[in-house]
Amino acid sequence: MNAIQQFVVAALVAVGSFFLLIGTVGLLRFPDVYNRMHASSKATTLGASSILLAGFAYYGPQGAGLTSLVGIVFLFLTAPTGAHLISRSAHKMGVPFYGQEAEWPEEVDEPGSD
């Protein structure tokens, strides 16, 4: 491994660790499920993707490096879906927003849904 590759791997691990730390702090400090879900889904997706990208830079395009790329694609497909389902479930369970200014948009009835 040359010096440039080592620097790239170290930088990606540092960036990933930073975003994972920010997501964890947001998960612990934000007041309601919607804010916590937002912090954990956005920041940890970036953090985990950066660390997986470091794995790709370290191992190369075959074997474990290819697995890292597949992990990034899987993470970008599933994390927003999971966050949306968490917020939708919280809304259906009647979990209120923190504060009084936010409201859900009115739901539009789809034709044939009755």
PDB file of N, CA and C in Angstrom:
ATOM      1  N   MET A   1       0.858  -1.176   0.000  1.00  0.00           N
ATOM      2  CA  MET A   1       0.000   0.000   0.000  1.00  0.00           C
ATOM      3  C   MET A   1       0.903   1.238   0.000  1.00  0.00           C
ATOM      4  N   ASN A   2       0.650   2.123  -0.948  1.00  0.00           N
ATOM      5  CA  ASN A   2       1.479   3.322  -1.026  1.00  0.00           C
ATOM      6  C   ASN A   2       0.962   4.404  -0.074  1.00  0.00           C
ATOM      7  N   ALA A   3       1.685   5.513  -0.010  1.00  0.00           N
ATOM      8  CA  ALA A   3       1.366   6.569   0.950  1.00  0.00           C
ATOM      9  C   ALA A   3       0.043   7.259   0.627  1.00  0.00           C
ATOM     10  N   ILE A   4      -0.247   7.454  -0.649  1.00  0.00           N
ATOM     11  CA  ILE A   4      -1.504   8.121  -1.030  1.00  0.00           C
ATOM     12  C   ILE A   4      -2.699   7.253  -0.649  1.00  0.00           C
ATOM     13  N   GLN A   5      -2.581   5.946  -0.897  1.00  0.00           N
ATOM     14  CA  GLN A   5      -3.668   5.031  -0.544  1.00  0.00           C
ATOM     15  C   GLN A   5      -3.876   5.002   0.977  1.00  0.00           C
ATOM     16  N   GLN A   6      -2.796   5.020   1.726  1.00  0.00           N
ATOM     17  CA  GLN A   6      -2.910   5.045   3.186  1.00  0.00           C
ATOM     18  C   GLN A   6      -3.597   6.329   3.659  1.00  0.00           C
ATOM     19  N   PHE A   7      -3.239   7.442   3.035  1.00  0.00           N
ATOM     20  CA  PHE A   7      -3.851   8.713   3.412  1.00  0.00           C
ATOM     21  C   PHE A   7      -5.343   8.710   3.100  1.00  0.00           C
ATOM     22  N   VAL A   8      -5.718   8.197   1.929  1.00  0.00           N
ATOM     23  CA  VAL A   8      -7.142   8.152   1.552  1.00  0.00           C
ATOM     24  C   VAL A   8      -7.926   7.266   2.512  1.00  0.00           C
ATOM     25  N   VAL A   9      -7.387   6.106   2.836  1.00  0.00           N
ATOM     26  CA  VAL A   9      -8.078   5.195   3.758  1.00  0.00           C
ATOM     27  C   VAL A   9      -8.222   5.848   5.131  1.00  0.00           C
ATOM     28  N   ALA A  10      -7.147   6.468   5.617  1.00  0.00           N
ATOM     29  CA  ALA A  10      -7.218   7.113   6.935  1.00  0.00           C
ATOM     30  C   ALA A  10      -8.207   8.272   6.935  1.00  0.00           C
ATOM     31  N   ALA A  11      -8.233   9.058   5.852  1.00  0.00           N
ATOM     32  CA  ALA A  11      -9.163  10.183   5.775  1.00  0.00           C
ATOM     33  C   ALA A  11     -10.604   9.695   5.737  1.00  0.00           C
ATOM     34  N   LEU A  12     -10.870   8.652   4.975  1.00  0.00           N
ATOM     35  CA  LEU A  12     -12.240   8.129   4.900  1.00  0.00           C
ATOM     36  C   LEU A  12     -12.691   7.537   6.233  1.00  0.00           C
ATOM     37  N   VAL A  13     -11.797   6.871   6.927  1.00  0.00           N
ATOM     38  CA  VAL A  13     -12.156   6.336   8.247  1.00  0.00           C
ATOM     39  C   VAL A  13     -12.401   7.477   9.229  1.00  0.00           C
ATOM     40  N   ALA A  14     -11.594   8.534   9.153  1.00  0.00           N
ATOM     41  CA  ALA A  14     -11.796   9.678  10.051  1.00  0.00           C
ATOM     42  C   ALA A  14     -13.121  10.380   9.750  1.00  0.00           C
ATOM     43  N   VAL A  15     -13.441  10.582   8.471  1.00  0.00           N
ATOM     44  CA  VAL A  15     -14.708  11.229   8.106  1.00  0.00           C
ATOM     45  C   VAL A  15     -15.885  10.350   8.527  1.00  0.00           C
ATOM     46  N   GLY A  16     -15.769   9.053   8.294  1.00  0.00           N
ATOM     47  CA  GLY A  16     -16.834   8.138   8.699  1.00  0.00           C
ATOM     48  C   GLY A  16     -17.036   8.115  10.194  1.00  0.00           C
ATOM     49  N   SER A  17     -15.951   8.122  10.947  1.00  0.00           N
ATOM     50  CA  SER A  17     -16.065   8.138  12.406  1.00  0.00           C
ATOM     51  C   SER A  17     -16.702   9.431  12.892  1.00  0.00           C
ATOM     52  N   PHE A  18     -16.364  10.540  12.245  1.00  0.00           N
ATOM     53  CA  PHE A  18     -16.959  11.828  12.622  1.00  0.00           C
ATOM     54  C   PHE A  18     -18.471  11.802  12.416  1.00  0.00           C
ATOM     55  N   PHE A  19     -18.910  11.336  11.255  1.00  0.00           N
ATOM     56  CA  PHE A  19     -20.353  11.315  11.000  1.00  0.00           C
ATOM     57  C   PHE A  19     -21.083  10.320  11.909  1.00  0.00           C
ATOM     58  N   LEU A  20     -20.454   9.199  12.207  1.00  0.00           N
ATOM     59  CA  LEU A  20     -21.078   8.249  13.136  1.00  0.00           C
ATOM     60  C   LEU A  20     -21.193   8.855  14.529  1.00  0.00           C
ATOM     61  N   LEU A  21     -20.182   9.612  14.934  1.00  0.00           N
ATOM     62  CA  LEU A  21     -20.245  10.280  16.232  1.00  0.00           C
ATOM     63  C   LEU A  21     -21.361  11.327  16.251  1.00  0.00           C
ATOM     64  N   ILE A  22     -21.477  12.100  15.182  1.00  0.00           N
ATOM     65  CA  ILE A  22     -22.538  13.112  15.104  1.00  0.00           C
ATOM     66  C   ILE A  22     -23.922  12.445  15.140  1.00  0.00           C
ATOM     67  N   GLY A  23     -24.079  11.342  14.418  1.00  0.00           N
ATOM     68  CA  GLY A  23     -25.354  10.627  14.441  1.00  0.00           C
ATOM     69  C   GLY A  23     -25.680  10.075  15.816  1.00  0.00           C
ATOM     70  N   THR A  24     -24.667   9.599  16.510  1.00  0.00           N
ATOM     71  CA  THR A  24     -24.891   9.069  17.857  1.00  0.00           C
ATOM     72  C   THR A  24     -25.266  10.170  18.831  1.00  0.00           C
ATOM     73  N   VAL A  25     -24.600  11.302  18.742  1.00  0.00           N
ATOM     74  CA  VAL A  25     -24.942  12.434  19.616  1.00  0.00           C
ATOM     75  C   VAL A  25     -26.362  12.907  19.322  1.00  0.00           C
ATOM     76  N   GLY A  26     -26.727  12.971  18.043  1.00  0.00           N
ATOM     77  CA  GLY A  26     -28.090  13.360  17.685  1.00  0.00           C
ATOM     78  C   GLY A  26     -29.115  12.377  18.206  1.00  0.00           C
ATOM     79  N   LEU A  27     -28.789  11.106  18.142  1.00  0.00           N
ATOM     80  CA  LEU A  27     -29.701  10.088  18.651  1.00  0.00           C
ATOM     81  C   LEU A  27     -29.902  10.229  20.155  1.00  0.00           C
ATOM     82  N   LEU A  28     -28.871  10.606  20.866  1.00  0.00           N
ATOM     83  CA  LEU A  28     -28.962  10.737  22.315  1.00  0.00           C
ATOM     84  C   LEU A  28     -29.552  12.073  22.754  1.00  0.00           C
ATOM     85  N   ARG A  29     -29.366  13.131  21.977  1.00  0.00           N
ATOM     86  CA  ARG A  29     -29.713  14.466  22.448  1.00  0.00           C
ATOM     87  C   ARG A  29     -31.016  15.032  21.890  1.00  0.00           C
ATOM     88  N   PHE A  30     -31.460  14.601  20.715  1.00  0.00           N
ATOM     89  CA  PHE A  30     -32.649  15.210  20.133  1.00  0.00           C
ATOM     90  C   PHE A  30     -33.902  14.791  20.894  1.00  0.00           C
ATOM     91  N   PRO A  31     -34.953  15.655  20.884  1.00  0.00           N
ATOM     92  CA  PRO A  31     -36.055  15.468  21.820  1.00  0.00           C
ATOM     93  C   PRO A  31     -37.116  14.445  21.416  1.00  0.00           C
ATOM     94  N   ASP A  32     -37.354  14.202  20.144  1.00  0.00           N
ATOM     95  CA  ASP A  32     -38.437  13.277  19.794  1.00  0.00           C
ATOM     96  C   ASP A  32     -37.973  12.276  18.732  1.00  0.00           C
ATOM     97  N   VAL A  33     -38.850  11.347  18.439  1.00  0.00           N
ATOM     98  CA  VAL A  33     -38.490  10.249  17.543  1.00  0.00           C
ATOM     99  C   VAL A  33     -38.194  10.743  16.135  1.00  0.00           C
ATOM    100  N   TYR A  34     -38.850  11.783  15.685  1.00  0.00           N
ATOM    101  CA  TYR A  34     -38.644  12.281  14.321  1.00  0.00           C
ATOM    102  C   TYR A  34     -37.256  12.893  14.173  1.00  0.00           C
ATOM    103  N   ASN A  35     -36.862  13.701  15.134  1.00  0.00           N
ATOM    104  CA  ASN A  35     -35.527  14.298  15.081  1.00  0.00           C
ATOM    105  C   ASN A  35     -34.444  13.239  15.252  1.00  0.00           C
ATOM    106  N   ARG A  36     -34.668  12.304  16.147  1.00  0.00           N
ATOM    107  CA  ARG A  36     -33.683  11.235  16.344  1.00  0.00           C
ATOM    108  C   ARG A  36     -33.537  10.379  15.107  1.00  0.00           C
ATOM    109  N   MET A  37     -34.661  10.087  14.469  1.00  0.00           N
ATOM    110  CA  MET A  37     -34.630   9.283  13.254  1.00  0.00           C
ATOM    111  C   MET A  37     -33.867  10.012  12.162  1.00  0.00           C
ATOM    112  N   HIS A  38     -34.070  11.306  12.044  1.00  0.00           N
ATOM    113  CA  HIS A  38     -33.383  12.087  11.027  1.00  0.00           C
ATOM    114  C   HIS A  38     -31.873  12.080  11.271  1.00  0.00           C
ATOM    115  N   ALA A  39     -31.470  12.328  12.505  1.00  0.00           N
ATOM    116  CA  ALA A  39     -30.041  12.371  12.816  1.00  0.00           C
ATOM    117  C   ALA A  39     -29.389  11.023  12.594  1.00  0.00           C
ATOM    118  N   SER A  40     -30.047   9.988  13.038  1.00  0.00           N
ATOM    119  CA  SER A  40     -29.420   8.672  12.913  1.00  0.00           C
ATOM    120  C   SER A  40     -29.398   8.189  11.477  1.00  0.00           C
ATOM    121  N   SER A  41     -30.426   8.469  10.695  1.00  0.00           N
ATOM    122  CA  SER A  41     -30.446   7.939   9.334  1.00  0.00           C
ATOM    123  C   SER A  41     -29.493   8.705   8.418  1.00  0.00           C
ATOM    124  N   LYS A  42     -29.446  10.003   8.501  1.00  0.00           N
ATOM    125  CA  LYS A  42     -28.592  10.781   7.590  1.00  0.00           C
ATOM    126  C   LYS A  42     -27.114  10.663   7.953  1.00  0.00           C
ATOM    127  N   ALA A  43     -26.800  10.980   9.196  1.00  0.00           N
ATOM    128  CA  ALA A  43     -25.395  11.024   9.582  1.00  0.00           C
ATOM    129  C   ALA A  43     -24.754   9.637   9.596  1.00  0.00           C
ATOM    130  N   THR A  44     -25.473   8.665  10.091  1.00  0.00           N
ATOM    131  CA  THR A  44     -24.864   7.335  10.138  1.00  0.00           C
ATOM    132  C   THR A  44     -24.770   6.695   8.764  1.00  0.00           C
ATOM    133  N   THR A  45     -25.658   7.053   7.848  1.00  0.00           N
ATOM    134  CA  THR A  45     -25.520   6.551   6.486  1.00  0.00           C
ATOM    135  C   THR A  45     -24.242   7.091   5.858  1.00  0.00           C
ATOM    136  N   LEU A  46     -24.000   8.380   6.033  1.00  0.00           N
ATOM    137  CA  LEU A  46     -22.763   8.954   5.500  1.00  0.00           C
ATOM    138  C   LEU A  46     -21.540   8.355   6.192  1.00  0.00           C
ATOM    139  N   GLY A  47     -21.615   8.190   7.507  1.00  0.00           N
ATOM    140  CA  GLY A  47     -20.483   7.637   8.231  1.00  0.00           C
ATOM    141  C   GLY A  47     -20.176   6.205   7.839  1.00  0.00           C
ATOM    142  N   ALA A  48     -21.192   5.383   7.793  1.00  0.00           N
ATOM    143  CA  ALA A  48     -20.966   3.984   7.425  1.00  0.00           C
ATOM    144  C   ALA A  48     -20.516   3.863   5.977  1.00  0.00           C
ATOM    145  N   SER A  49     -21.054   4.705   5.108  1.00  0.00           N
ATOM    146  CA  SER A  49     -20.628   4.670   3.705  1.00  0.00           C
ATOM    147  C   SER A  49     -19.175   5.084   3.552  1.00  0.00           C
ATOM    148  N   SER A  50     -18.741   6.068   4.318  1.00  0.00           N
ATOM    149  CA  SER A  50     -17.339   6.484   4.251  1.00  0.00           C
ATOM    150  C   SER A  50     -16.411   5.367   4.711  1.00  0.00           C
ATOM    151  N   ILE A  51     -16.806   4.669   5.754  1.00  0.00           N
ATOM    152  CA  ILE A  51     -15.963   3.575   6.235  1.00  0.00           C
ATOM    153  C   ILE A  51     -15.968   2.415   5.243  1.00  0.00           C
ATOM    154  N   LEU A  52     -17.127   2.142   4.635  1.00  0.00           N
ATOM    155  CA  LEU A  52     -17.157   1.101   3.601  1.00  0.00           C
ATOM    156  C   LEU A  52     -16.338   1.511   2.381  1.00  0.00           C
ATOM    157  N   LEU A  53     -16.348   2.793   2.043  1.00  0.00           N
ATOM    158  CA  LEU A  53     -15.527   3.281   0.942  1.00  0.00           C
ATOM    159  C   LEU A  53     -14.039   3.159   1.278  1.00  0.00           C
ATOM    160  N   ALA A  54     -13.684   3.334   2.530  1.00  0.00           N
ATOM    161  CA  ALA A  54     -12.308   3.101   2.962  1.00  0.00           C
ATOM    162  C   ALA A  54     -11.936   1.635   2.769  1.00  0.00           C
ATOM    163  N   GLY A  55     -12.886   0.746   3.025  1.00  0.00           N
ATOM    164  CA  GLY A  55     -12.642  -0.674   2.768  1.00  0.00           C
ATOM    165  C   GLY A  55     -12.406  -0.946   1.297  1.00  0.00           C
ATOM    166  N   PHE A  56     -13.144  -0.259   0.445  1.00  0.00           N
ATOM    167  CA  PHE A  56     -12.930  -0.411  -0.994  1.00  0.00           C
ATOM    168  C   PHE A  56     -11.554   0.119  -1.389  1.00  0.00           C
ATOM    169  N   ALA A  57     -11.159   1.271  -0.834  1.00  0.00           N
ATOM    170  CA  ALA A  57      -9.848   1.840  -1.152  1.00  0.00           C
ATOM    171  C   ALA A  57      -8.720   0.952  -0.628  1.00  0.00           C
ATOM    172  N   TYR A  58      -8.955   0.270   0.461  1.00  0.00           N
ATOM    173  CA  TYR A  58      -7.915  -0.584   1.043  1.00  0.00           C
ATOM    174  C   TYR A  58      -7.786  -1.912   0.297  1.00  0.00           C
ATOM    175  N   TYR A  59      -8.923  -2.570   0.022  1.00  0.00           N
ATOM    176  CA  TYR A  59      -8.879  -3.913  -0.558  1.00  0.00           C
ATOM    177  C   TYR A  59      -8.883  -3.922  -2.078  1.00  0.00           C
ATOM    178  N   GLY A  60      -9.294  -2.831  -2.706  1.00  0.00           N
ATOM    179  CA  GLY A  60      -9.315  -2.805  -4.165  1.00  0.00           C
ATOM    180  C   GLY A  60     -10.652  -3.278  -4.713  1.00  0.00           C
ATOM    181  N   PRO A  61     -10.744  -3.362  -6.037  1.00  0.00           N
ATOM    182  CA  PRO A  61     -12.059  -3.622  -6.659  1.00  0.00           C
ATOM    183  C   PRO A  61     -12.512  -5.088  -6.624  1.00  0.00           C
ATOM    184  N   GLN A  62     -11.754  -5.985  -6.033  1.00  0.00           N
ATOM    185  CA  GLN A  62     -12.158  -7.390  -6.004  1.00  0.00           C
ATOM    186  C   GLN A  62     -12.327  -7.858  -4.558  1.00  0.00           C
ATOM    187  N   GLY A  63     -13.064  -8.900  -4.368  1.00  0.00           N
ATOM    188  CA  GLY A  63     -13.214  -9.520  -3.052  1.00  0.00           C
ATOM    189  C   GLY A  63     -13.896  -8.620  -2.044  1.00  0.00           C
ATOM    190  N   ALA A  64     -13.185  -8.316  -0.969  1.00  0.00           N
ATOM    191  CA  ALA A  64     -13.768  -7.509   0.111  1.00  0.00           C
ATOM    192  C   ALA A  64     -14.089  -6.086  -0.343  1.00  0.00           C
ATOM    193  N   GLY A  65     -13.322  -5.558  -1.294  1.00  0.00           N
ATOM    194  CA  GLY A  65     -13.604  -4.214  -1.817  1.00  0.00           C
ATOM    195  C   GLY A  65     -14.929  -4.167  -2.543  1.00  0.00           C
ATOM    196  N   LEU A  66     -15.205  -5.205  -3.330  1.00  0.00           N
ATOM    197  CA  LEU A  66     -16.490  -5.280  -4.033  1.00  0.00           C
ATOM    198  C   LEU A  66     -17.633  -5.438  -3.035  1.00  0.00           C
ATOM    199  N   THR A  67     -17.408  -6.197  -1.992  1.00  0.00           N
ATOM    200  CA  THR A  67     -18.414  -6.329  -0.938  1.00  0.00           C
ATOM    201  C   THR A  67     -18.700  -4.982  -0.279  1.00  0.00           C
ATOM    202  N   SER A  68     -17.671  -4.172  -0.114  1.00  0.00           N
ATOM    203  CA  SER A  68     -17.869  -2.835   0.454  1.00  0.00           C
ATOM    204  C   SER A  68     -18.738  -1.972  -0.449  1.00  0.00           C
ATOM    205  N   LEU A  69     -18.514  -2.044  -1.754  1.00  0.00           N
ATOM    206  CA  LEU A  69     -19.345  -1.264  -2.678  1.00  0.00           C
ATOM    207  C   LEU A  69     -20.796  -1.737  -2.640  1.00  0.00           C
ATOM    208  N   VAL A  70     -21.007  -3.034  -2.582  1.00  0.00           N
ATOM    209  CA  VAL A  70     -22.366  -3.563  -2.494  1.00  0.00           C
ATOM    210  C   VAL A  70     -23.019  -3.114  -1.187  1.00  0.00           C
ATOM    211  N   GLY A  71     -22.223  -3.062  -0.118  1.00  0.00           N
ATOM    212  CA  GLY A  71     -22.739  -2.572   1.162  1.00  0.00           C
ATOM    213  C   GLY A  71     -23.185  -1.124   1.089  1.00  0.00           C
ATOM    214  N   ILE A  72     -22.435  -0.304   0.352  1.00  0.00           N
ATOM    215  CA  ILE A  72     -22.823   1.107   0.193  1.00  0.00           C
ATOM    216  C   ILE A  72     -24.141   1.211  -0.552  1.00  0.00           C
ATOM    217  N   VAL A  73     -24.283   0.467  -1.629  1.00  0.00           N
ATOM    218  CA  VAL A  73     -25.532   0.498  -2.397  1.00  0.00           C
ATOM    219  C   VAL A  73     -26.701   0.030  -1.531  1.00  0.00           C
ATOM    220  N   PHE A  74     -26.490  -1.060  -0.797  1.00  0.00           N
ATOM    221  CA  PHE A  74     -27.542  -1.577   0.083  1.00  0.00           C
ATOM    222  C   PHE A  74     -27.921  -0.549   1.139  1.00  0.00           C
ATOM    223  N   LEU A  75     -26.925   0.107   1.702  1.00  0.00           N
ATOM    224  CA  LEU A  75     -27.181   1.104   2.745  1.00  0.00           C
ATOM    225  C   LEU A  75     -27.966   2.291   2.200  1.00  0.00           C
ATOM    226  N   PHE A  76     -27.612   2.762   1.000  1.00  0.00           N
ATOM    227  CA  PHE A  76     -28.321   3.904   0.427  1.00  0.00           C
ATOM    228  C   PHE A  76     -29.735   3.538  -0.015  1.00  0.00           C
ATOM    229  N   LEU A  77     -29.989   2.270  -0.266  1.00  0.00           N
ATOM    230  CA  LEU A  77     -31.348   1.856  -0.612  1.00  0.00           C
ATOM    231  C   LEU A  77     -32.217   1.638   0.621  1.00  0.00           C
ATOM    232  N   THR A  78     -31.648   1.105   1.685  1.00  0.00           N
ATOM    233  CA  THR A  78     -32.461   0.707   2.827  1.00  0.00           C
ATOM    234  C   THR A  78     -32.580   1.764   3.923  1.00  0.00           C
ATOM    235  N   ALA A  79     -31.589   2.605   4.115  1.00  0.00           N
ATOM    236  CA  ALA A  79     -31.644   3.582   5.210  1.00  0.00           C
ATOM    237  C   ALA A  79     -32.768   4.607   5.034  1.00  0.00           C
ATOM    238  N   PRO A  80     -32.962   5.211   3.855  1.00  0.00           N
ATOM    239  CA  PRO A  80     -34.091   6.139   3.725  1.00  0.00           C
ATOM    240  C   PRO A  80     -35.441   5.441   3.845  1.00  0.00           C
ATOM    241  N   THR A  81     -35.528   4.227   3.361  1.00  0.00           N
ATOM    242  CA  THR A  81     -36.778   3.484   3.468  1.00  0.00           C
ATOM    243  C   THR A  81     -37.098   3.184   4.925  1.00  0.00           C
ATOM    244  N   GLY A  82     -36.101   2.770   5.674  1.00  0.00           N
ATOM    245  CA  GLY A  82     -36.310   2.492   7.089  1.00  0.00           C
ATOM    246  C   GLY A  82     -36.684   3.738   7.875  1.00  0.00           C
ATOM    247  N   ALA A  83     -36.023   4.853   7.560  1.00  0.00           N
ATOM    248  CA  ALA A  83     -36.339   6.098   8.257  1.00  0.00           C
ATOM    249  C   ALA A  83     -37.758   6.553   7.940  1.00  0.00           C
ATOM    250  N   HIS A  84     -38.156   6.398   6.701  1.00  0.00           N
ATOM    251  CA  HIS A  84     -39.523   6.768   6.332  1.00  0.00           C
ATOM    252  C   HIS A  84     -40.540   5.887   7.063  1.00  0.00           C
ATOM    253  N   LEU A  85     -40.272   4.608   7.148  1.00  0.00           N
ATOM    254  CA  LEU A  85     -41.200   3.710   7.837  1.00  0.00           C
ATOM    255  C   LEU A  85     -41.266   4.009   9.331  1.00  0.00           C
ATOM    256  N   ILE A  86     -40.149   4.373   9.928  1.00  0.00           N
ATOM    257  CA  ILE A  86     -40.151   4.726  11.347  1.00  0.00           C
ATOM    258  C   ILE A  86     -40.999   5.973  11.580  1.00  0.00           C
ATOM    259  N   SER A  87     -40.807   6.999  10.749  1.00  0.00           N
ATOM    260  CA  SER A  87     -41.586   8.226  10.944  1.00  0.00           C
ATOM    261  C   SER A  87     -43.063   7.998  10.633  1.00  0.00           C
ATOM    262  N   ARG A  88     -43.356   7.207   9.644  1.00  0.00           N
ATOM    263  CA  ARG A  88     -44.758   6.919   9.303  1.00  0.00           C
ATOM    264  C   ARG A  88     -45.437   6.115  10.428  1.00  0.00           C
ATOM    265  N   SER A  89     -44.726   5.174  10.989  1.00  0.00           N
ATOM    266  CA  SER A  89     -45.270   4.384  12.091  1.00  0.00           C
ATOM    267  C   SER A  89     -45.498   5.252  13.328  1.00  0.00           C
ATOM    268  N   ALA A  90     -44.546   6.159  13.598  1.00  0.00           N
ATOM    269  CA  ALA A  90     -44.717   7.059  14.738  1.00  0.00           C
ATOM    270  C   ALA A  90     -45.925   7.959  14.533  1.00  0.00           C
ATOM    271  N   HIS A  91     -46.109   8.425  13.312  1.00  0.00           N
ATOM    272  CA  HIS A  91     -47.275   9.264  13.016  1.00  0.00           C
ATOM    273  C   HIS A  91     -48.570   8.486  13.207  1.00  0.00           C
ATOM    274  N   LYS A  92     -48.622   7.253  12.712  1.00  0.00           N
ATOM    275  CA  LYS A  92     -49.844   6.443  12.845  1.00  0.00           C
ATOM    276  C   LYS A  92     -50.116   6.080  14.293  1.00  0.00           C
ATOM    277  N   MET A  93     -49.064   6.009  15.126  1.00  0.00           N
ATOM    278  CA  MET A  93     -49.248   5.711  16.543  1.00  0.00           C
ATOM    279  C   MET A  93     -49.606   6.962  17.339  1.00  0.00           C
ATOM    280  N   GLY A  94     -49.575   8.124  16.684  1.00  0.00           N
ATOM    281  CA  GLY A  94     -49.959   9.358  17.363  1.00  0.00           C
ATOM    282  C   GLY A  94     -48.850  10.021  18.146  1.00  0.00           C
ATOM    283  N   VAL A  95     -47.622   9.740  17.804  1.00  0.00           N
ATOM    284  CA  VAL A  95     -46.508  10.387  18.498  1.00  0.00           C
ATOM    285  C   VAL A  95     -46.468  11.851  18.087  1.00  0.00           C
ATOM    286  N   PRO A  96     -46.547  12.772  19.040  1.00  0.00           N
ATOM    287  CA  PRO A  96     -46.585  14.198  18.676  1.00  0.00           C
ATOM    288  C   PRO A  96     -45.195  14.715  18.317  1.00  0.00           C
ATOM    289  N   PHE A  97     -45.204  15.829  17.568  1.00  0.00           N
ATOM    290  CA  PHE A  97     -43.959  16.523  17.270  1.00  0.00           C
ATOM    291  C   PHE A  97     -43.483  17.264  18.501  1.00  0.00           C
ATOM    292  N   TYR A  98     -42.192  17.481  18.582  1.00  0.00           N
ATOM    293  CA  TYR A  98     -41.639  18.326  19.623  1.00  0.00           C
ATOM    294  C   TYR A  98     -41.918  19.767  19.220  1.00  0.00           C
ATOM    295  N   GLY A  99     -42.546  20.525  20.082  1.00  0.00           N
ATOM    296  CA  GLY A  99     -42.905  21.898  19.736  1.00  0.00           C
ATOM    297  C   GLY A  99     -44.303  21.940  19.155  1.00  0.00           C
ATOM    298  N   GLN A 100     -44.773  23.131  18.917  1.00  0.00           N
ATOM    299  CA  GLN A 100     -46.154  23.297  18.467  1.00  0.00           C
ATOM    300  C   GLN A 100     -46.259  23.759  17.024  1.00  0.00           C
ATOM    301  N   GLU A 101     -45.185  24.037  16.335  1.00  0.00           N
ATOM    302  CA  GLU A 101     -45.250  24.661  15.026  1.00  0.00           C
ATOM    303  C   GLU A 101     -45.321  23.673  13.872  1.00  0.00           C
ATOM    304  N   ALA A 102     -44.903  22.446  14.058  1.00  0.00           N
ATOM    305  CA  ALA A 102     -44.868  21.494  12.957  1.00  0.00           C
ATOM    306  C   ALA A 102     -46.174  20.707  12.878  1.00  0.00           C
ATOM    307  N   GLU A 103     -46.602  20.435  11.662  1.00  0.00           N
ATOM    308  CA  GLU A 103     -47.805  19.627  11.438  1.00  0.00           C
ATOM    309  C   GLU A 103     -47.573  18.700  10.255  1.00  0.00           C
ATOM    310  N   TRP A 104     -48.258  17.611  10.267  1.00  0.00           N
ATOM    311  CA  TRP A 104     -48.229  16.719   9.109  1.00  0.00           C
ATOM    312  C   TRP A 104     -49.087  17.318   8.011  1.00  0.00           C
ATOM    313  N   PRO A 105     -48.723  17.140   6.768  1.00  0.00           N
ATOM    314  CA  PRO A 105     -49.600  17.585   5.685  1.00  0.00           C
ATOM    315  C   PRO A 105     -50.855  16.719   5.654  1.00  0.00           C
ATOM    316  N   GLU A 106     -51.927  17.316   5.169  1.00  0.00           N
ATOM    317  CA  GLU A 106     -53.177  16.550   5.091  1.00  0.00           C
ATOM    318  C   GLU A 106     -53.021  15.414   4.098  1.00  0.00           C
ATOM    319  N   GLU A 107     -53.593  14.280   4.463  1.00  0.00           N
ATOM    320  CA  GLU A 107     -53.499  13.125   3.579  1.00  0.00           C
ATOM    321  C   GLU A 107     -54.558  13.224   2.499  1.00  0.00           C
ATOM    322  N   VAL A 108     -54.167  12.896   1.300  1.00  0.00           N
ATOM    323  CA  VAL A 108     -55.072  12.918   0.169  1.00  0.00           C
ATOM    324  C   VAL A 108     -55.594  11.502  -0.044  1.00  0.00           C
ATOM    325  N   ASP A 109     -56.916  11.394  -0.100  1.00  0.00           N
ATOM    326  CA  ASP A 109     -57.505  10.082  -0.339  1.00  0.00           C
ATOM    327  C   ASP A 109     -57.269   9.670  -1.788  1.00  0.00           C
ATOM    328  N   GLU A 110     -56.760   8.467  -1.954  1.00  0.00           N
ATOM    329  CA  GLU A 110     -56.540   7.964  -3.298  1.00  0.00           C
ATOM    330  C   GLU A 110     -57.829   7.352  -3.814  1.00  0.00           C
ATOM    331  N   PRO A 111     -58.101   7.491  -5.104  1.00  0.00           N
ATOM    332  CA  PRO A 111     -59.324   6.888  -5.642  1.00  0.00           C
ATOM    333  C   PRO A 111     -59.275   5.366  -5.517  1.00  0.00           C
ATOM    334  N   GLY A 112     -60.367   4.805  -5.057  1.00  0.00           N
ATOM    335  CA  GLY A 112     -60.458   3.355  -4.924  1.00  0.00           C
ATOM    336  C   GLY A 112     -59.885   2.835  -3.630  1.00  0.00           C
ATOM    337  N   SER A 113     -59.474   3.716  -2.682  1.00  0.00           N
ATOM    338  CA  SER A 113     -58.900   3.236  -1.427  1.00  0.00           C
ATOM    339  C   SER A 113     -59.966   2.946  -0.380  1.00  0.00           C
ATOM    340  N   ASP A 114     -61.220   3.264  -0.648  1.00  0.00           N
ATOM    341  CA  ASP A 114     -62.296   3.024   0.316  1.00  0.00           C
ATOM    342  C   ASP A 114     -62.722   1.593   0.360  1.00  0.00           C
TER     343      ASP A 114
END
